[in-house]
């Protein structure tokens, strides 16, 4: 495969990096336009993209055969995702220096980025004409054709490459992976077993073969193959495949140890580790939070300059209830990368959980300075203002979040509408609140929080109780372990005067949580209406005992206790 361009980041960084490296890649002595390129660098350092392009055009006008200058200009347009401008410019560079594979490679990458794989194939064909003995070009063509759903043509290129260069484990792995995609796993297995018997030193021989055996639930054989692969290749990336195999074989101790070895190796790409950590945090691994934290600790130790390492560990600590430690890690993450929206979001969330609302607001505003008009940050900053009882700023920011959310991001829009539903309710705007909740549920039929809150406020107002019952029931189906949702359902049933079912649900809620004053009061109300006034009084007294700081009507609660009777 052709070597990929490693110029990434902001336009200014990309331009500087690539222009500064033109000399190392292209020249043995100084070019006559070296000083002019320094001027381009100067404009990029100040973020003057248009000025940098103008300077490059000046150089090209004076030196029309300066291929590397065309290339630098194409890089800038490519980073700005203006592929239609970048493609003809790098084509000109390649026309001037047809044997320079750097230009051909970038042209292929531009077509890929544009989503036009078919247009990339002729580029490779032209490159093969210029350099017919370059085997990597044949491999790149195989990949492009296969990705373009032209797998039979890709397999023919494999045959051509073997005829020209001889067979190799690299070519065989590529063919096997294509056969796997085509659901011709037995053919792929035969090719790879032959390479394994030759003790190939190529990792993909064992990882692909392991996948084939895992796919047919032959876990023991997969483990044996992957263990042999580690012995033959010393490639620690195989530990990740081995961890999957051990997990499938219900050998969690060995799976965890394999992950630990992969995480400790600096030869395993960070993104592979991050992908695994993301999967673990989704809660489907079977590992405990303590075990996952052990892996997160390794991430921070081995990759301390990557913000995501600190975010992952902070996430685990947050889930374990160590809020202050989590907050410290999120602060570190945003210090490393102020553009890390999730780190800011988690930081504000944990600060609100710590009741440090002023800090959450301050950090929200700081986050928005670094990420202007980001809808997620606008939403969470608005949420912090709402917790702070600053309705004016909360409404301004949440409505701005909706305006900036984009039409395609229905999940985020649903989240924002649900937040606006809460806010409008708090501001006494019941009709508008109802519309916001309905829009949230329409956009995301799994938004259980919107369903729960809407149902609860309808029950409080004794309106649309059939709708409230339906929404609350659905929220409990979506999140059956939520005591809050169970309490809401009990309260809706109470308002429907279905006291028998309400009692079942409130007792379920009490068993599943650390009851609050609201929950105790609801329990007492339901008990009273169920004919158990003695136990009702006990629950009301418990509610009063823990009512400090909760948003309940304390005077009404005291009246219930004094009269030993339900008060509407």
Protein backbone atom coordinates (compact mmCIF):
# COMPACT_ATOMS: atom_id res chain seq x y z
CA UNK A 1 0.00 0.00 0.00
CA UNK A 2 1.26 3.48 -0.74
CA UNK A 3 2.60 5.38 2.23
CA UNK A 4 0.01 7.81 3.56
CA UNK A 5 0.64 11.51 3.99
CA UNK A 6 1.17 12.32 7.65
CA UNK A 7 0.17 15.99 7.45
CA UNK A 8 -2.77 16.48 9.79
CA UNK A 9 -4.18 19.14 12.09
CA UNK A 10 -5.16 22.75 11.63
CA UNK A 11 -4.61 24.39 8.28
CA UNK A 12 -1.77 26.48 9.65
CA UNK A 13 -0.04 23.48 11.21
CA UNK A 14 -0.51 21.39 8.09
CA UNK A 15 0.82 24.08 5.82
CA UNK A 16 3.86 24.73 7.94
CA UNK A 17 4.65 21.07 8.41
CA UNK A 18 4.32 20.20 4.73
CA UNK A 19 6.11 23.25 3.38
CA UNK A 20 8.98 22.83 5.83
CA UNK A 21 9.29 19.19 4.74
CA UNK A 22 9.37 19.96 1.04
CA UNK A 23 13.12 20.42 1.30
CA UNK A 24 13.71 17.08 3.00
CA UNK A 25 11.56 15.27 0.44
CA UNK A 26 12.42 17.06 -2.76
CA UNK A 27 15.73 18.90 -2.75
CA UNK A 28 19.39 18.37 -2.35
CA UNK A 29 20.24 22.06 -2.51
CA UNK A 30 18.37 25.28 -1.95
CA UNK A 31 15.59 26.08 -4.39
CA UNK A 32 15.55 29.60 -5.89
CA UNK A 33 12.16 30.21 -4.27
CA UNK A 34 13.17 29.11 -0.77
CA UNK A 35 12.75 32.59 0.72
CA UNK A 36 9.35 32.94 -0.91
CA UNK A 37 8.24 29.75 0.84
CA UNK A 38 9.40 31.24 4.12
CA UNK A 39 6.98 34.09 3.45
CA UNK A 40 4.22 31.51 2.92
CA UNK A 41 5.08 29.95 6.28
CA UNK A 42 4.83 33.35 7.89
CA UNK A 43 1.31 33.86 6.59
CA UNK A 44 0.27 30.40 7.75
CA UNK A 45 1.60 31.09 11.23
CA UNK A 46 -0.84 33.98 11.51
CA UNK A 47 -3.71 31.94 10.10
CA UNK A 48 -3.77 33.87 6.82
CA UNK A 49 -4.87 31.03 4.53
CA UNK A 50 -5.86 33.30 1.63
CA UNK A 51 -2.55 35.15 1.85
CA UNK A 52 -0.61 31.88 1.84
CA UNK A 53 -2.44 30.73 -1.29
CA UNK A 54 -1.75 34.08 -2.94
CA UNK A 55 1.98 33.76 -2.19
CA UNK A 56 2.05 30.21 -3.59
CA UNK A 57 0.36 31.50 -6.76
CA UNK A 58 3.08 34.15 -7.05
CA UNK A 59 5.78 31.44 -6.82
CA UNK A 60 4.01 29.30 -9.41
CA UNK A 61 3.72 32.27 -11.79
CA UNK A 62 7.48 32.79 -11.57
CA UNK A 63 8.44 29.10 -11.40
CA UNK A 64 5.75 27.20 -13.37
CA UNK A 65 7.63 23.89 -13.11
CA UNK A 66 7.94 23.90 -9.30
CA UNK A 67 5.97 20.70 -8.70
CA UNK A 68 6.40 20.77 -4.94
CA UNK A 69 4.80 24.24 -4.77
CA UNK A 70 1.71 22.94 -6.56
CA UNK A 71 1.75 20.07 -4.06
CA UNK A 72 1.92 22.47 -1.10
CA UNK A 73 -1.03 24.43 -2.50
CA UNK A 74 -3.02 21.21 -3.01
CA UNK A 75 -2.30 20.17 0.58
CA UNK A 76 -3.80 23.39 1.89
CA UNK A 77 -6.95 23.03 -0.19
CA UNK A 78 -7.21 19.37 0.77
CA UNK A 79 -7.01 20.16 4.46
CA UNK A 80 -9.75 22.73 3.95
CA UNK A 81 -11.75 19.85 2.35
CA UNK A 82 -11.95 21.72 -0.93
CA UNK A 83 -11.21 18.57 -2.92
CA UNK A 84 -12.38 19.96 -6.25
CA UNK A 85 -9.68 22.63 -6.02
CA UNK A 86 -6.99 20.33 -4.62
CA UNK A 87 -7.31 17.52 -7.19
CA UNK A 88 -6.37 19.41 -10.40
CA UNK A 89 -3.53 21.18 -8.57
CA UNK A 90 -1.85 17.98 -7.40
CA UNK A 91 -2.49 16.48 -10.86
CA UNK A 92 -0.38 19.34 -12.26
CA UNK A 93 2.39 18.54 -9.78
CA UNK A 94 2.33 14.91 -10.87
CA UNK A 95 2.31 15.89 -14.54
CA UNK A 96 5.55 17.80 -13.95
CA UNK A 97 7.17 14.94 -11.98
CA UNK A 98 5.40 11.74 -13.12
CA UNK A 99 7.67 9.41 -11.16
CA UNK A 100 7.04 11.13 -7.85
CA UNK A 101 4.75 8.72 -6.00
CA UNK A 102 4.16 11.26 -3.22
CA UNK A 103 1.91 13.17 -5.60
CA UNK A 104 0.17 10.05 -6.88
CA UNK A 105 -0.46 8.93 -3.33
CA UNK A 106 -2.00 12.24 -2.34
CA UNK A 107 -4.18 12.26 -5.44
CA UNK A 108 -5.53 8.83 -4.46
CA UNK A 109 -6.17 10.06 -0.91
CA UNK A 110 -8.06 13.09 -2.22
CA UNK A 111 -10.36 10.91 -4.34
CA UNK A 112 -10.93 8.65 -1.33
CA UNK A 113 -11.74 11.61 0.89
CA UNK A 114 -14.18 12.83 -1.73
CA UNK A 115 -15.82 9.40 -1.69
CA UNK A 116 -14.98 8.73 -5.33
CA UNK A 117 -13.06 5.44 -5.20
CA UNK A 118 -13.68 4.76 -8.89
CA UNK A 119 -11.71 7.90 -9.82
CA UNK A 120 -8.75 6.70 -7.74
CA UNK A 121 -8.28 3.50 -9.76
CA UNK A 122 -7.09 5.25 -12.98
CA UNK A 123 -4.58 7.16 -10.86
CA UNK A 124 -3.07 3.86 -9.72
CA UNK A 125 -3.08 2.58 -13.29
CA UNK A 126 -1.12 5.66 -14.39
CA UNK A 127 1.31 5.14 -11.52
CA UNK A 128 1.84 1.51 -12.55
CA UNK A 129 2.68 2.66 -16.08
CA UNK A 130 5.36 4.95 -14.66
CA UNK A 131 6.68 2.43 -12.11
CA UNK A 132 5.73 -1.06 -13.33
CA UNK A 133 8.01 -2.78 -10.80
CA UNK A 134 6.37 -1.20 -7.74
CA UNK A 135 4.48 -4.05 -6.04
CA UNK A 136 2.78 -1.73 -3.55
CA UNK A 137 0.83 -0.13 -6.40
CA UNK A 138 -0.77 -3.46 -7.24
CA UNK A 139 -1.76 -3.93 -3.59
CA UNK A 140 -3.30 -0.46 -3.51
CA UNK A 141 -5.27 -1.23 -6.67
CA UNK A 142 -6.58 -4.45 -5.11
CA UNK A 143 -7.81 -2.53 -2.08
CA UNK A 144 -9.49 0.16 -4.17
CA UNK A 145 -11.26 -2.32 -6.43
CA UNK A 146 -12.45 -4.42 -3.52
CA UNK A 147 -13.71 -1.34 -1.68
CA UNK A 148 -15.50 -0.33 -4.88
CA UNK A 149 -17.39 -3.67 -4.89
CA UNK A 150 -15.30 -4.89 -7.83
CA UNK A 151 -13.83 -7.85 -5.95
CA UNK A 152 -13.49 -10.14 -8.96
CA UNK A 153 -11.33 -7.50 -10.66
CA UNK A 154 -9.34 -7.16 -7.44
CA UNK A 155 -8.70 -10.92 -7.37
CA UNK A 156 -7.47 -10.70 -10.99
CA UNK A 157 -5.00 -8.02 -9.91
CA UNK A 158 -3.82 -10.46 -7.23
CA UNK A 159 -3.15 -13.04 -9.96
CA UNK A 160 -1.29 -10.43 -12.02
CA UNK A 161 0.83 -9.44 -9.02
CA UNK A 162 1.73 -13.05 -8.21
CA UNK A 163 2.66 -13.68 -11.85
CA UNK A 164 4.89 -10.60 -11.89
CA UNK A 165 6.42 -10.58 -8.40
CA UNK A 166 5.87 -14.11 -7.08
CA UNK A 167 3.60 -15.10 -4.22
CA UNK A 168 3.99 -13.64 -0.73
CA UNK A 169 2.21 -13.80 2.60
CA UNK A 170 1.26 -10.12 2.21
CA UNK A 171 -0.55 -10.77 -1.08
CA UNK A 172 -2.10 -13.95 0.31
CA UNK A 173 -3.47 -12.12 3.34
CA UNK A 174 -5.03 -9.50 1.10
CA UNK A 175 -6.66 -12.20 -1.01
CA UNK A 176 -7.84 -14.07 2.08
CA UNK A 177 -9.39 -10.93 3.57
CA UNK A 178 -11.25 -10.30 0.33
CA UNK A 179 -12.48 -13.89 0.31
CA UNK A 180 -13.70 -13.51 3.89
CA UNK A 181 -15.67 -10.41 2.87
CA UNK A 182 -17.13 -12.43 -0.01
CA UNK A 183 -18.15 -15.15 2.48
CA UNK A 184 -15.69 -17.60 0.97
CA UNK A 185 -14.10 -18.37 4.31
CA UNK A 186 -13.02 -21.93 3.50
CA UNK A 187 -10.92 -20.72 0.57
CA UNK A 188 -9.40 -18.02 2.78
CA UNK A 189 -8.71 -20.56 5.53
CA UNK A 190 -6.82 -22.84 3.14
CA UNK A 191 -4.56 -19.98 2.00
CA UNK A 192 -3.81 -18.80 5.53
CA UNK A 193 -3.24 -22.27 7.02
CA UNK A 194 -0.50 -22.81 4.45
CA UNK A 195 1.17 -19.56 5.51
CA UNK A 196 0.81 -20.42 9.20
CA UNK A 197 2.45 -23.80 8.63
CA UNK A 198 5.38 -21.89 7.13
CA UNK A 199 5.54 -19.88 10.39
CA UNK A 200 4.81 -16.60 8.64
CA UNK A 201 5.96 -13.51 10.49
CA UNK A 202 2.95 -11.49 9.30
CA UNK A 203 0.42 -10.71 12.02
CA UNK A 204 -2.59 -10.58 9.69
CA UNK A 205 -2.14 -14.29 8.82
CA UNK A 206 -3.07 -15.19 12.38
CA UNK A 207 -5.58 -12.44 13.12
CA UNK A 208 -7.61 -13.21 9.98
CA UNK A 209 -7.42 -16.95 10.55
CA UNK A 210 -8.42 -16.42 14.18
CA UNK A 211 -11.43 -14.41 13.01
CA UNK A 212 -12.50 -17.25 10.69
CA UNK A 213 -12.42 -19.77 13.55
CA UNK A 214 -14.17 -17.39 15.92
CA UNK A 215 -16.89 -16.88 13.33
CA UNK A 216 -17.64 -20.62 13.40
CA UNK A 217 -17.44 -20.69 17.24
CA UNK A 218 -14.24 -22.74 17.20
CA UNK A 219 -12.83 -20.73 20.08
CA UNK A 220 -10.18 -23.20 21.20
CA UNK A 221 -8.62 -23.37 17.73
CA UNK A 222 -8.73 -19.58 17.43
CA UNK A 223 -6.84 -19.23 20.71
CA UNK A 224 -4.21 -21.74 19.59
CA UNK A 225 -3.71 -19.92 16.29
CA UNK A 226 -3.40 -16.51 17.93
CA UNK A 227 -0.97 -17.81 20.56
CA UNK A 228 1.16 -19.25 17.78
CA UNK A 229 0.92 -15.91 15.97
CA UNK A 230 2.30 -14.11 19.00
CA UNK A 231 5.18 -16.55 19.17
CA UNK A 232 6.01 -16.19 15.47
CA UNK A 233 5.50 -12.44 15.04
CA UNK A 234 6.03 -10.85 18.47
CA UNK A 235 3.32 -8.40 17.37
CA UNK A 236 1.49 -7.21 20.51
CA UNK A 237 -1.55 -6.15 18.48
CA UNK A 238 -2.49 -9.85 18.48
CA UNK A 239 -3.18 -9.55 22.21
CA UNK A 240 -6.35 -7.66 21.30
CA UNK A 241 -7.54 -10.51 19.09
CA UNK A 242 -6.54 -12.99 21.77
CA UNK A 243 -8.55 -11.06 24.36
CA UNK A 244 -11.65 -11.41 22.14
CA UNK A 245 -11.03 -15.14 21.81
CA UNK A 246 -10.52 -15.62 25.54
CA UNK A 247 -13.70 -13.63 26.23
CA UNK A 248 -15.66 -15.85 23.82
CA UNK A 249 -14.21 -18.87 25.63
CA UNK A 250 -15.33 -17.43 28.99
CA UNK A 251 -11.73 -17.10 30.18
CA UNK A 252 -12.04 -13.60 31.56
CA UNK A 253 -8.80 -13.65 33.57
CA UNK A 254 -6.73 -14.44 30.48
CA UNK A 255 -8.74 -11.92 28.43
CA UNK A 256 -7.97 -9.16 30.91
CA UNK A 257 -4.29 -10.09 31.00
CA UNK A 258 -4.14 -9.98 27.19
CA UNK A 259 -5.69 -6.51 27.17
CA UNK A 260 -3.23 -5.37 29.82
CA UNK A 261 -0.28 -6.51 27.70
CA UNK A 262 -1.68 -4.77 24.63
CA UNK A 263 -2.26 -1.54 26.56
CA UNK A 264 1.27 -1.61 28.00
CA UNK A 265 2.86 -1.97 24.57
CA UNK A 266 3.87 1.22 22.80
CA UNK A 267 3.86 -0.79 19.56
CA UNK A 268 0.07 -0.98 19.69
CA UNK A 269 -1.48 2.09 18.11
CA UNK A 270 -3.26 4.35 20.59
CA UNK A 271 -6.43 4.40 18.48
CA UNK A 272 -6.70 0.61 18.79
CA UNK A 273 -6.49 0.96 22.57
CA UNK A 274 -9.03 3.77 22.53
CA UNK A 275 -11.43 1.66 20.47
CA UNK A 276 -11.18 -1.14 23.05
CA UNK A 277 -11.66 1.27 25.96
CA UNK A 278 -14.73 2.77 24.26
CA UNK A 279 -16.21 -0.74 23.91
CA UNK A 280 -15.46 -1.54 27.56
CA UNK A 281 -17.13 1.68 28.73
CA UNK A 282 -20.28 0.75 26.83
CA UNK A 283 -20.70 -1.94 29.50
CA UNK A 284 -20.82 -5.11 27.42
CA UNK A 285 -17.46 -6.62 28.30
CA UNK A 286 -18.25 -8.44 31.52
CA UNK A 287 -15.31 -6.74 33.26
CA UNK A 288 -15.82 -4.83 36.50
CA UNK A 289 -15.30 -1.09 36.73
CA UNK A 290 -12.25 -1.77 38.90
CA UNK A 291 -10.72 -3.94 36.17
CA UNK A 292 -11.52 -1.36 33.50
CA UNK A 293 -9.93 1.32 35.66
CA UNK A 294 -6.75 -0.74 35.74
CA UNK A 295 -6.60 -0.53 31.95
CA UNK A 296 -7.45 3.17 32.02
CA UNK A 297 -4.57 3.70 34.47
CA UNK A 298 -2.21 2.16 31.91
CA UNK A 299 -3.56 4.47 29.20
CA UNK A 300 -2.77 7.54 31.28
CA UNK A 301 0.66 6.20 32.20
CA UNK A 302 1.64 5.27 28.65
CA UNK A 303 -0.10 8.13 26.81
CA UNK A 304 -0.11 11.09 29.22
CA UNK A 305 -0.21 13.71 26.46
CA UNK A 306 -3.39 12.37 24.85
CA UNK A 307 -6.56 13.93 26.27
CA UNK A 308 -8.68 10.84 25.61
CA UNK A 309 -6.57 8.84 28.07
CA UNK A 310 -7.58 11.15 30.90
CA UNK A 311 -11.21 11.27 29.71
CA UNK A 312 -11.43 7.46 29.76
CA UNK A 313 -10.02 7.20 33.28
CA UNK A 314 -12.20 10.09 34.45
CA UNK A 315 -15.26 8.35 33.01
CA UNK A 316 -14.50 5.17 34.97
CA UNK A 317 -13.88 7.09 38.19
CA UNK A 318 -17.13 9.01 37.72
CA UNK A 319 -19.04 5.76 37.36
CA UNK A 320 -17.36 4.45 40.49
CA UNK A 321 -18.49 7.52 42.43
CA UNK A 322 -15.06 9.18 42.73
CA UNK A 323 -16.32 12.52 41.47
CA UNK A 324 -13.47 14.74 42.62
CA UNK A 325 -10.83 12.51 41.03
CA UNK A 326 -12.89 12.34 37.85
CA UNK A 327 -13.15 16.13 37.80
CA UNK A 328 -9.36 16.43 38.08
CA UNK A 329 -8.87 14.15 35.08
CA UNK A 330 -11.40 16.02 32.95
CA UNK A 331 -9.62 19.26 33.83
CA UNK A 332 -6.35 17.72 32.67
CA UNK A 333 -7.99 16.61 29.43
CA UNK A 334 -9.30 20.07 28.53
CA UNK A 335 -5.93 21.50 29.47
CA UNK A 336 -4.33 19.26 26.86
CA UNK A 337 -7.03 19.78 24.23
CA UNK A 338 -9.41 22.71 24.56
CA UNK A 339 -11.32 21.45 21.52
CA UNK A 340 -12.30 18.20 23.29
CA UNK A 341 -16.07 18.71 23.56
CA UNK A 342 -16.76 15.46 25.44
CA UNK A 343 -14.16 16.34 28.09
CA UNK A 344 -15.85 19.72 28.68
CA UNK A 345 -19.27 18.04 28.76
CA UNK A 346 -18.15 15.48 31.34
CA UNK A 347 -16.42 18.17 33.39
CA UNK A 348 -19.63 20.22 33.60
CA UNK A 349 -21.69 17.12 34.35
CA UNK A 350 -19.50 16.04 37.24
CA UNK A 351 -19.41 19.57 38.65
CA UNK A 352 -23.20 19.71 38.62
CA UNK A 353 -23.23 16.33 40.39
CA UNK A 354 -20.89 17.84 42.99
CA UNK A 355 -23.29 20.81 43.31
CA UNK A 356 -20.52 23.11 42.07
CA UNK A 357 -22.86 24.84 39.65
CA UNK A 358 -20.94 28.12 39.42
CA UNK A 359 -17.85 26.17 38.34
CA UNK A 360 -19.91 24.30 35.76
CA UNK A 361 -21.20 27.59 34.33
CA UNK A 362 -17.70 29.09 34.23
CA UNK A 363 -16.28 26.03 32.50
CA UNK A 364 -19.20 26.02 30.05
CA UNK A 365 -18.43 29.58 29.05
CA UNK A 366 -14.73 28.77 28.77
CA UNK A 367 -15.55 25.74 26.62
CA UNK A 368 -17.66 27.90 24.31
CA UNK A 369 -14.78 30.36 23.88
CA UNK A 370 -12.69 27.47 22.56
CA UNK A 371 -15.59 25.88 20.62
CA UNK A 372 -17.94 28.70 19.56
CA UNK A 373 -21.58 27.77 18.91
CA UNK A 374 -21.02 24.08 19.65
CA UNK A 375 -24.58 22.81 20.28
CA UNK A 376 -23.59 20.21 22.88
CA UNK A 377 -21.68 22.78 24.91
CA UNK A 378 -24.46 25.35 24.54
CA UNK A 379 -26.91 22.75 25.84
CA UNK A 380 -24.86 21.73 28.88
CA UNK A 381 -24.01 25.33 29.76
CA UNK A 382 -27.71 26.12 29.54
CA UNK A 383 -28.40 23.12 31.76
CA UNK A 384 -25.92 24.45 34.33
CA UNK A 385 -27.69 27.82 34.28
CA UNK A 386 -31.01 26.02 34.77
CA UNK A 387 -29.65 24.18 37.82
CA UNK A 388 -28.46 27.57 39.06
CA UNK A 389 -32.06 28.89 38.66
CA UNK A 390 -30.96 31.43 36.06
CA UNK A 391 -33.85 30.86 33.66
CA UNK A 392 -33.01 33.75 31.35
CA UNK A 393 -29.50 32.55 30.51
CA UNK A 394 -30.59 28.92 30.48
CA UNK A 395 -33.26 29.66 27.89
CA UNK A 396 -30.91 31.78 25.77
CA UNK A 397 -28.26 29.07 25.62
CA UNK A 398 -30.59 26.11 25.13
CA UNK A 399 -32.47 27.82 22.32
CA UNK A 400 -29.09 28.72 20.77
CA UNK A 401 -28.12 25.04 21.08
CA UNK A 402 -31.23 24.10 19.12
CA UNK A 403 -30.49 26.71 16.45
CA UNK A 404 -26.97 25.33 16.00
CA UNK A 405 -27.78 21.62 16.26
CA UNK A 406 -28.19 20.95 12.53
CA UNK A 407 -30.99 19.06 10.87
CA UNK A 408 -29.26 15.68 10.73
CA UNK A 409 -28.34 15.31 14.40
CA UNK A 410 -31.74 14.11 15.65
CA UNK A 411 -30.26 12.55 18.82
CA UNK A 412 -28.83 15.86 19.97
CA UNK A 413 -31.94 17.76 18.92
CA UNK A 414 -34.06 15.36 20.99
CA UNK A 415 -31.78 15.95 23.97
CA UNK A 416 -32.09 19.71 23.60
CA UNK A 417 -35.88 19.64 23.18
CA UNK A 418 -36.14 17.50 26.34
CA UNK A 419 -34.00 20.04 28.20
CA UNK A 420 -36.19 22.84 26.91
CA UNK A 421 -39.23 20.89 28.10
CA UNK A 422 -37.74 20.82 31.62
CA UNK A 423 -36.85 24.50 31.44
CA UNK A 424 -40.20 25.71 30.10
CA UNK A 425 -41.95 23.70 32.81
CA UNK A 426 -39.76 25.34 35.41
CA UNK A 427 -40.65 28.74 33.94
CA UNK A 428 -44.38 27.94 34.19
CA UNK A 429 -44.84 27.61 30.42
CA UNK A 430 -46.74 24.31 30.46
CA UNK A 431 -48.10 24.39 26.90
CA UNK A 432 -44.72 25.17 25.36
CA UNK A 433 -43.11 22.58 27.63
CA UNK A 434 -45.49 19.91 26.36
CA UNK A 435 -44.68 20.75 22.73
CA UNK A 436 -40.94 20.52 23.46
CA UNK A 437 -41.31 17.08 25.09
CA UNK A 438 -43.44 15.83 22.20
CA UNK A 439 -40.84 17.01 19.70
CA UNK A 440 -38.07 15.32 21.71
CA UNK A 441 -39.93 12.00 21.66
CA UNK A 442 -40.81 12.38 17.98
CA UNK A 443 -37.13 12.86 17.11
CA UNK A 444 -35.93 9.99 19.29
CA UNK A 445 -38.40 7.28 20.24
CA UNK A 446 -35.89 5.92 22.79
CA UNK A 447 -35.55 9.18 24.77
CA UNK A 448 -36.72 7.65 28.03
CA UNK A 449 -35.90 10.74 30.10
CA UNK A 450 -38.16 12.93 27.96
CA UNK A 451 -40.96 10.36 28.28
CA UNK A 452 -40.54 10.14 32.05
CA UNK A 453 -40.43 13.88 32.70
CA UNK A 454 -43.36 14.62 30.41
CA UNK A 455 -45.41 11.87 32.04
CA UNK A 456 -44.58 13.10 35.53
CA UNK A 457 -45.57 16.70 34.86
CA UNK A 458 -48.79 15.59 33.18
CA UNK A 459 -49.56 13.53 36.28
CA UNK A 460 -48.80 16.48 38.53
CA UNK A 461 -51.28 18.54 36.51
CA UNK A 462 -53.75 15.61 36.27
CA UNK A 463 -53.92 16.09 32.51
CA UNK A 464 -53.79 13.57 29.63
CA UNK A 465 -53.35 10.73 32.12
CA UNK A 466 -53.75 8.04 29.47
CA UNK A 467 -50.86 9.57 27.54
CA UNK A 468 -48.85 9.91 30.75
CA UNK A 469 -49.41 6.22 31.57
CA UNK A 470 -48.32 5.16 28.08
CA UNK A 471 -45.15 7.29 28.11
CA UNK A 472 -44.18 6.27 31.62
CA UNK A 473 -44.69 2.59 30.83
CA UNK A 474 -42.50 2.94 27.72
CA UNK A 475 -39.75 4.68 29.69
CA UNK A 476 -39.70 1.77 32.15
CA UNK A 477 -39.51 -0.72 29.29
CA UNK A 478 -36.50 1.17 27.95
CA UNK A 479 -34.77 1.49 31.34
CA UNK A 480 -36.25 -1.16 33.65
CA UNK A 481 -33.72 -0.56 36.44
CA UNK A 482 -34.51 3.14 36.96
CA UNK A 483 -36.11 3.80 40.36
CA UNK A 484 -36.94 7.35 39.22
CA UNK A 485 -38.94 6.03 36.28
CA UNK A 486 -40.66 3.47 38.52
CA UNK A 487 -41.66 6.25 40.92
CA UNK A 488 -43.13 8.25 38.02
CA UNK A 489 -45.17 5.28 36.85
CA UNK A 490 -46.46 4.72 40.37
CA UNK A 491 -47.45 8.39 40.56
CA UNK A 492 -49.27 8.29 37.22
CA UNK A 493 -51.18 5.18 38.36
CA UNK A 494 -51.98 6.98 41.63
CA UNK A 495 -53.50 9.87 39.71
CA UNK A 496 -55.55 7.34 37.74
CA UNK A 497 -56.74 5.98 41.10
CA UNK A 498 -55.20 2.58 40.30
CA UNK A 499 -53.83 2.31 43.82
CA UNK A 500 -53.15 -1.44 43.78
CA UNK A 501 -50.75 -1.22 40.83
CA UNK A 502 -49.34 2.08 42.08
CA UNK A 503 -48.36 0.40 45.36
CA UNK A 504 -46.47 -2.36 43.52
CA UNK A 505 -44.47 0.17 41.50
CA UNK A 506 -43.66 2.53 44.38
CA UNK A 507 -42.40 -0.38 46.49
CA UNK A 508 -40.25 -1.49 43.56
CA UNK A 509 -38.83 2.03 43.33
CA UNK A 510 -38.10 2.16 47.08
CA UNK A 511 -36.30 -1.19 46.95
CA UNK A 512 -34.17 -0.09 44.01
CA UNK A 513 -32.82 3.22 45.30
CA UNK A 514 -31.84 5.40 48.22
CA UNK A 515 -35.29 6.95 48.69
CA UNK A 516 -35.67 10.73 48.53
CA UNK A 517 -38.22 12.94 50.26
CA UNK A 518 -40.35 12.93 47.09
CA UNK A 519 -40.26 9.13 46.90
CA UNK A 520 -41.15 8.73 50.60
CA UNK A 521 -44.00 11.21 50.24
CA UNK A 522 -45.39 9.43 47.20
CA UNK A 523 -45.10 6.13 49.08
CA UNK A 524 -47.07 7.58 51.97
CA UNK A 525 -49.75 9.01 49.66
CA UNK A 526 -50.21 5.68 47.89
CA UNK A 527 -50.29 3.75 51.17
CA UNK A 528 -52.96 6.07 52.53
CA UNK A 529 -55.14 5.68 49.45
CA UNK A 530 -54.61 1.92 49.70
CA UNK A 531 -56.11 1.96 53.21
CA UNK A 532 -52.89 1.75 55.21
CA UNK A 533 -52.87 5.09 57.07
CA UNK A 534 -50.48 3.87 59.81
CA UNK A 535 -47.63 3.05 57.43
CA UNK A 536 -48.48 6.12 55.36
CA UNK A 537 -47.74 8.32 58.37
CA UNK A 538 -44.33 6.63 58.80
CA UNK A 539 -43.39 7.38 55.20
CA UNK A 540 -44.47 11.02 55.46
CA UNK A 541 -42.36 11.39 58.60
CA UNK A 542 -39.39 9.88 56.76
CA UNK A 543 -39.98 12.31 53.91
CA UNK A 544 -39.91 15.25 56.30
CA UNK A 545 -36.72 13.98 57.94
CA UNK A 546 -34.80 14.02 54.62
CA UNK A 547 -36.57 17.00 53.03
CA UNK A 548 -33.80 19.53 53.59
CA UNK A 549 -32.68 20.89 50.20
CA UNK A 550 -35.32 19.03 48.21
CA UNK A 551 -37.92 20.70 46.05
CA UNK A 552 -41.07 19.63 47.88
CA UNK A 553 -43.93 21.42 49.64
CA UNK A 554 -42.82 21.03 53.26
CA UNK A 555 -45.89 22.77 54.69
CA UNK A 556 -48.24 20.40 52.88
CA UNK A 557 -46.17 17.47 54.10
CA UNK A 558 -46.39 18.74 57.68
CA UNK A 559 -50.15 19.08 57.26
CA UNK A 560 -50.39 15.42 56.21
CA UNK A 561 -48.48 14.39 59.32
CA UNK A 562 -50.49 16.63 61.63
CA UNK A 563 -53.86 15.47 60.30
CA UNK A 564 -52.70 11.89 59.65
CA UNK A 565 -54.49 12.23 56.35
CA UNK A 566 -53.79 12.76 52.68
CA UNK A 567 -53.83 16.43 51.64
CA UNK A 568 -54.53 17.25 47.99
